[in-house]
Amino acid sequence: MIPEKLYFRIGEVARLCRLPAYVLRFWETEFPQLRPVKSTTGQRMYRRRDVENVLQIKKLLYEDGFTIAGARSHLREETKSDKKQTALPFPGRSSADLKHIRQGLREILNILAARP
């Protein structure tokens, strides 16, 4: 749905998201996730991630019935959960396996230590 481009002007985003440009400008003041860069001529230049955020905000407000404060809070929580790291799934190792690995590492250290 979103074209493969680096930047979109506010008019393009408004057409893509079927929203008036003034709504996008207002949302910029309400949602810290929306921070389009400004060109040297002062035009707002939205990145693809910004357009995705606009679509998500629109869904939260218009379809899911969130208030602006509720949508802002929801997005903040979503961002926090995205930043949490999940543990890497290491296969269970027996103590015999670990002893074998440790012994191999010691042998490597001895070889490296013996080098001039």
C-alpha atoms as a PDB file:
ATOM      1  CA  MET A   1       0.000   0.000   0.000  1.00  0.00           C
ATOM      2  CA  ILE A   2       2.859   2.384   0.807  1.00  0.00           C
ATOM      3  CA  PRO A   3       5.100   3.035  -2.217  1.00  0.00           C
ATOM      4  CA  GLU A   4       8.807   2.220  -1.954  1.00  0.00           C
ATOM      5  CA  LYS A   5      10.240   5.705  -1.467  1.00  0.00           C
ATOM      6  CA  LEU A   6      12.601   7.249   1.048  1.00  0.00           C
ATOM      7  CA  TYR A   7      10.548  10.374   1.708  1.00  0.00           C
ATOM      8  CA  PHE A   8       6.963  11.517   1.260  1.00  0.00           C
ATOM      9  CA  ARG A   9       5.630  15.063   1.280  1.00  0.00           C
ATOM     10  CA  ILE A  10       2.714  15.858   3.558  1.00  0.00           C
ATOM     11  CA  GLY A  11       0.289  15.964   0.610  1.00  0.00           C
ATOM     12  CA  GLU A  12       1.337  12.470  -0.445  1.00  0.00           C
ATOM     13  CA  VAL A  13       0.906  11.148   3.092  1.00  0.00           C
ATOM     14  CA  ALA A  14      -2.494  12.831   3.325  1.00  0.00           C
ATOM     15  CA  ARG A  15      -3.599  11.095   0.099  1.00  0.00           C
ATOM     16  CA  LEU A  16      -2.127   7.719   1.099  1.00  0.00           C
ATOM     17  CA  CYS A  17      -3.756   7.792   4.528  1.00  0.00           C
ATOM     18  CA  ARG A  18      -6.946   9.531   3.385  1.00  0.00           C
ATOM     19  CA  LEU A  19      -6.559  12.291   5.949  1.00  0.00           C
ATOM     20  CA  PRO A  20      -6.465  16.076   5.638  1.00  0.00           C
ATOM     21  CA  ALA A  21      -2.986  17.589   5.966  1.00  0.00           C
ATOM     22  CA  TYR A  22      -4.080  19.661   8.972  1.00  0.00           C
ATOM     23  CA  VAL A  23      -4.826  16.433  10.864  1.00  0.00           C
ATOM     24  CA  LEU A  24      -1.277  15.228  10.194  1.00  0.00           C
ATOM     25  CA  ARG A  25       0.142  18.537  11.421  1.00  0.00           C
ATOM     26  CA  PHE A  26      -2.009  18.299  14.561  1.00  0.00           C
ATOM     27  CA  TRP A  27      -0.969  14.704  15.214  1.00  0.00           C
ATOM     28  CA  GLU A  28       2.683  15.786  15.040  1.00  0.00           C
ATOM     29  CA  THR A  29       2.025  17.901  18.129  1.00  0.00           C
ATOM     30  CA  GLU A  30       0.260  15.053  19.940  1.00  0.00           C
ATOM     31  CA  PHE A  31       2.379  11.999  19.103  1.00  0.00           C
ATOM     32  CA  PRO A  32       6.149  12.039  19.676  1.00  0.00           C
ATOM     33  CA  GLN A  33       6.465   9.128  17.212  1.00  0.00           C
ATOM     34  CA  LEU A  34       5.588  11.513  14.371  1.00  0.00           C
ATOM     35  CA  ARG A  35       8.574  13.704  13.750  1.00  0.00           C
ATOM     36  CA  PRO A  36       8.984  14.256  10.019  1.00  0.00           C
ATOM     37  CA  VAL A  37      12.212  15.950   9.036  1.00  0.00           C
ATOM     38  CA  LYS A  38      12.007  19.292   7.308  1.00  0.00           C
ATOM     39  CA  SER A  39      13.688  19.927   3.991  1.00  0.00           C
ATOM     40  CA  THR A  40      15.836  22.983   3.340  1.00  0.00           C
ATOM     41  CA  THR A  41      12.700  24.670   2.013  1.00  0.00           C
ATOM     42  CA  GLY A  42      10.835  23.873   5.230  1.00  0.00           C
ATOM     43  CA  GLN A  43       8.610  21.153   3.775  1.00  0.00           C
ATOM     44  CA  ARG A  44       7.741  18.184   5.958  1.00  0.00           C
ATOM     45  CA  MET A  45       9.342  15.011   4.686  1.00  0.00           C
ATOM     46  CA  TYR A  46       7.844  11.834   6.122  1.00  0.00           C
ATOM     47  CA  ARG A  47       9.822   8.586   6.112  1.00  0.00           C
ATOM     48  CA  ARG A  48       8.175   5.231   5.518  1.00  0.00           C
ATOM     49  CA  ARG A  49       8.138   4.559   9.283  1.00  0.00           C
ATOM     50  CA  ASP A  50       6.309   7.875   9.805  1.00  0.00           C
ATOM     51  CA  VAL A  51       3.642   6.852   7.284  1.00  0.00           C
ATOM     52  CA  GLU A  52       3.260   3.490   9.038  1.00  0.00           C
ATOM     53  CA  ASN A  53       2.854   5.351  12.342  1.00  0.00           C
ATOM     54  CA  VAL A  54       0.187   7.617  10.822  1.00  0.00           C
ATOM     55  CA  LEU A  55      -1.749   4.571   9.636  1.00  0.00           C
ATOM     56  CA  GLN A  56      -1.452   2.953  13.058  1.00  0.00           C
ATOM     57  CA  ILE A  57      -2.601   6.133  14.814  1.00  0.00           C
ATOM     58  CA  LYS A  58      -5.521   6.434  12.412  1.00  0.00           C
ATOM     59  CA  LYS A  59      -6.553   2.852  13.157  1.00  0.00           C
ATOM     60  CA  LEU A  60      -6.306   3.376  16.921  1.00  0.00           C
ATOM     61  CA  LEU A  61      -8.364   6.570  16.811  1.00  0.00           C
ATOM     62  CA  TYR A  62     -10.917   5.870  14.095  1.00  0.00           C
ATOM     63  CA  GLU A  63     -11.381   2.091  14.220  1.00  0.00           C
ATOM     64  CA  ASP A  64     -10.429   1.033  17.753  1.00  0.00           C
ATOM     65  CA  GLY A  65     -12.054   4.030  19.439  1.00  0.00           C
ATOM     66  CA  PHE A  66      -9.034   5.240  21.409  1.00  0.00           C
ATOM     67  CA  THR A  67      -8.822   8.830  22.611  1.00  0.00           C
ATOM     68  CA  ILE A  68      -5.704  10.758  21.628  1.00  0.00           C
ATOM     69  CA  ALA A  69      -4.284  10.295  25.139  1.00  0.00           C
ATOM     70  CA  GLY A  70      -5.162   6.588  25.044  1.00  0.00           C
ATOM     71  CA  ALA A  71      -3.570   6.100  21.624  1.00  0.00           C
ATOM     72  CA  ARG A  72      -0.441   7.958  22.759  1.00  0.00           C
ATOM     73  CA  SER A  73      -0.246   5.742  25.840  1.00  0.00           C
ATOM     74  CA  HIS A  74      -0.833   2.580  23.777  1.00  0.00           C
ATOM     75  CA  LEU A  75       1.956   3.499  21.346  1.00  0.00           C
ATOM     76  CA  ARG A  76       4.323   4.283  24.232  1.00  0.00           C
ATOM     77  CA  GLU A  77       3.677   0.880  25.802  1.00  0.00           C
ATOM     78  CA  GLU A  78       4.084  -0.824  22.441  1.00  0.00           C
ATOM     79  CA  THR A  79       7.450   0.885  21.972  1.00  0.00           C
ATOM     80  CA  LYS A  80       8.573  -0.244  25.429  1.00  0.00           C
ATOM     81  CA  SER A  81       7.648  -3.854  24.738  1.00  0.00           C
ATOM     82  CA  ASP A  82       9.483  -3.722  21.381  1.00  0.00           C
ATOM     83  CA  LYS A  83      12.657  -2.645  23.188  1.00  0.00           C
ATOM     84  CA  LYS A  84      12.579  -5.512  25.674  1.00  0.00           C
ATOM     85  CA  GLN A  85      14.967  -8.259  24.709  1.00  0.00           C
ATOM     86  CA  THR A  86      13.867 -11.833  24.631  1.00  0.00           C
ATOM     87  CA  ALA A  87      16.181 -14.515  25.930  1.00  0.00           C
ATOM     88  CA  LEU A  88      18.059 -16.520  23.346  1.00  0.00           C
ATOM     89  CA  PRO A  89      16.882 -20.118  23.203  1.00  0.00           C
ATOM     90  CA  PHE A  90      19.973 -22.123  24.149  1.00  0.00           C
ATOM     91  CA  PRO A  91      19.540 -25.865  24.058  1.00  0.00           C
ATOM     92  CA  GLY A  92      19.885 -27.578  27.412  1.00  0.00           C
ATOM     93  CA  ARG A  93      23.442 -28.692  28.062  1.00  0.00           C
ATOM     94  CA  SER A  94      24.493 -31.384  30.448  1.00  0.00           C
ATOM     95  CA  SER A  95      27.395 -30.798  32.815  1.00  0.00           C
ATOM     96  CA  ALA A  96      29.402 -33.379  30.798  1.00  0.00           C
ATOM     97  CA  ASP A  97      28.906 -31.252  27.659  1.00  0.00           C
ATOM     98  CA  LEU A  98      30.038 -28.134  29.497  1.00  0.00           C
ATOM     99  CA  LYS A  99      33.117 -29.921  30.883  1.00  0.00           C
ATOM    100  CA  HIS A 100      33.988 -31.069  27.376  1.00  0.00           C
ATOM    101  CA  ILE A 101      33.606 -27.525  25.993  1.00  0.00           C
ATOM    102  CA  ARG A 102      35.665 -26.088  28.868  1.00  0.00           C
ATOM    103  CA  GLN A 103      38.427 -28.634  28.227  1.00  0.00           C
ATOM    104  CA  GLY A 104      38.469 -27.734  24.536  1.00  0.00           C
ATOM    105  CA  LEU A 105      38.782 -24.046  25.366  1.00  0.00           C
ATOM    106  CA  ARG A 106      41.655 -24.750  27.783  1.00  0.00           C
ATOM    107  CA  GLU A 107      43.453 -26.659  25.039  1.00  0.00           C
ATOM    108  CA  ILE A 108      43.039 -23.713  22.678  1.00  0.00           C
ATOM    109  CA  LEU A 109      44.415 -21.367  25.364  1.00  0.00           C
ATOM    110  CA  ASN A 110      47.438 -23.631  25.892  1.00  0.00           C
ATOM    111  CA  ILE A 111      48.129 -23.679  22.159  1.00  0.00           C
ATOM    112  CA  LEU A 112      47.870 -19.889  21.956  1.00  0.00           C
ATOM    113  CA  ALA A 113      50.026 -19.414  25.073  1.00  0.00           C
ATOM    114  CA  ALA A 114      52.754 -21.666  23.609  1.00  0.00           C
ATOM    115  CA  ARG A 115      53.117 -19.446  20.531  1.00  0.00           C
ATOM    116  CA  PRO A 116      56.134 -17.090  20.540  1.00  0.00           C
END
